[in-house]
């Protein structure tokens, strides 16, 4: 059961890392002038489009990282529950010969 608990702890660590990454990704928002959105004509238009794509892509990756972190956290909880059930079964099996 210790190996299941250790795996759950590793899943929790990965979930924490992914959640932190999602927050950092969401914060990576360069100002739109960095893409040249203030330029006249087509260059400015292209800069605005690129900035929008940047925000959309990094926002999507941030949401994916957060969702994956949540799934890993749920999996860690399930592993701990399974480990507890196995421990209960093992304990019951150890007591059984004494009762007989």
Protein backbone atom coordinates (compact mmCIF):
# COMPACT_ATOMS: atom_id res chain seq x y z
CA UNK A 1 0.00 0.00 0.00
CA UNK A 2 2.94 2.27 0.54
CA UNK A 3 3.67 2.21 -3.19
CA UNK A 4 0.12 3.40 -3.90
CA UNK A 5 0.48 6.16 -1.32
CA UNK A 6 3.84 7.15 -2.80
CA UNK A 7 2.30 7.25 -6.27
CA UNK A 8 -0.55 9.38 -4.91
CA UNK A 9 2.00 11.78 -3.42
CA UNK A 10 3.79 12.02 -6.77
CA UNK A 11 0.46 12.70 -8.50
CA UNK A 12 -0.23 15.44 -5.95
CA UNK A 13 3.18 16.96 -6.67
CA UNK A 14 2.54 16.90 -10.40
CA UNK A 15 -0.90 18.42 -9.86
CA UNK A 16 0.63 21.25 -7.84
CA UNK A 17 3.24 21.84 -10.53
CA UNK A 18 0.62 21.94 -13.29
CA UNK A 19 -1.63 24.25 -11.31
CA UNK A 20 1.30 26.61 -10.77
CA UNK A 21 2.15 26.43 -14.46
CA UNK A 22 -1.43 27.28 -15.37
CA UNK A 23 -1.25 30.44 -13.24
CA UNK A 24 2.08 31.43 -14.76
CA UNK A 25 0.82 30.81 -18.31
CA UNK A 26 -2.26 32.90 -17.67
CA UNK A 27 0.01 35.72 -16.52
CA UNK A 28 2.14 35.69 -19.69
CA UNK A 29 0.36 38.54 -21.36
CA UNK A 30 2.76 40.78 -23.21
CA UNK A 31 1.38 44.20 -24.06
CA UNK A 32 -0.18 44.43 -27.48
CA UNK A 33 2.39 46.98 -28.72
CA UNK A 34 4.98 44.20 -28.44
CA UNK A 35 3.21 42.69 -31.44
CA UNK A 36 3.13 45.96 -33.33
CA UNK A 37 -0.59 46.48 -33.03
CA UNK A 38 -0.10 50.24 -33.09
CA UNK A 39 1.50 50.20 -36.51
CA UNK A 40 -0.50 51.70 -39.36
CA UNK A 41 -2.34 49.60 -41.89
CA UNK A 42 -1.89 45.89 -42.41
CA UNK A 43 1.08 45.66 -40.03
CA UNK A 44 -1.03 46.96 -37.16
CA UNK A 45 -3.86 44.64 -38.13
CA UNK A 46 -1.44 41.71 -38.22
CA UNK A 47 -0.07 42.74 -34.81
CA UNK A 48 -3.56 42.75 -33.33
CA UNK A 49 -4.31 39.33 -34.81
CA UNK A 50 -1.02 37.91 -33.52
CA UNK A 51 -1.63 39.35 -30.06
CA UNK A 52 -5.10 37.82 -30.01
CA UNK A 53 -3.72 34.45 -31.09
CA UNK A 54 -1.04 34.63 -28.40
CA UNK A 55 -3.63 35.35 -25.72
CA UNK A 56 -5.92 32.61 -27.00
CA UNK A 57 -3.18 30.00 -27.23
CA UNK A 58 -1.67 30.71 -23.83
CA UNK A 59 -5.13 30.93 -22.26
CA UNK A 60 -6.01 27.54 -23.71
CA UNK A 61 -2.74 26.00 -22.45
CA UNK A 62 -3.37 27.49 -19.01
CA UNK A 63 -6.86 25.97 -18.90
CA UNK A 64 -5.50 22.60 -20.07
CA UNK A 65 -2.79 22.64 -17.39
CA UNK A 66 -5.34 23.50 -14.70
CA UNK A 67 -7.72 20.77 -15.87
CA UNK A 68 -4.93 18.19 -16.00
CA UNK A 69 -3.79 19.23 -12.54
CA UNK A 70 -7.32 18.74 -11.23
CA UNK A 71 -7.54 15.29 -12.85
CA UNK A 72 -4.20 14.29 -11.31
CA UNK A 73 -5.39 15.49 -7.92
CA UNK A 74 -8.56 13.40 -8.31
CA UNK A 75 -6.47 10.39 -9.33
CA UNK A 76 -4.28 10.87 -6.24
CA UNK A 77 -7.37 10.88 -4.04
CA UNK A 78 -8.62 7.70 -5.71
CA UNK A 79 -5.23 6.03 -5.19
CA UNK A 80 -5.30 6.91 -1.50
CA UNK A 81 -8.81 5.48 -1.21
CA UNK A 82 -7.72 2.26 -2.93
CA UNK A 83 -4.68 2.01 -0.64
CA UNK A 84 -6.94 2.43 2.40
CA UNK A 85 -9.29 -0.28 1.13
CA UNK A 86 -6.39 -2.65 0.52
CA UNK A 87 -5.11 -1.95 4.02
CA UNK A 88 -8.54 -2.72 5.47
CA UNK A 89 -8.70 -6.00 3.54
CA UNK A 90 -5.19 -6.94 4.64
CA UNK A 91 -6.06 -6.20 8.26
CA UNK A 92 -9.23 -8.29 8.03
CA UNK A 93 -7.26 -11.16 6.51
CA UNK A 94 -4.71 -10.98 9.34
CA UNK A 95 -7.47 -11.11 11.97
CA UNK A 96 -9.34 -13.98 10.35
CA UNK A 97 -7.01 -16.82 11.53
CA UNK A 98 -7.26 -15.49 15.10
CA UNK A 99 -11.04 -15.64 14.98
CA UNK A 100 -11.10 -19.24 13.68
